[in-house]
Amino acid sequence: MTALTVIGTVAGLLVFVLGAVAPLLVDLNDRFPVKPKPAPRPAPAAWGRAAVPTH
C-alpha cells in the first residue's frame, strides 16, 4: 500500500507542476515560436559509380 501511495503522490505532483508551468510554456511559445530546421538535401548519387569508393 505504501508503494501505491508514493506512486500516486508523485503522479499527482507531476500533474500539478505541469499544470502550473503550462501557461509559462504557452507564453514562451508565443514569444519565441519554434521553427523547424530545414532538412539537408541528399547529395545526388554519381551515375555508374558506387556511392562508397572501394579503394
Foldseek 3Di string as FASTA:
>chain_A
DVVVVVVVVVVVVVVVVCVVCVVVVVVVCVVPPDDDDDDDDDDDADPPDDNDDPD
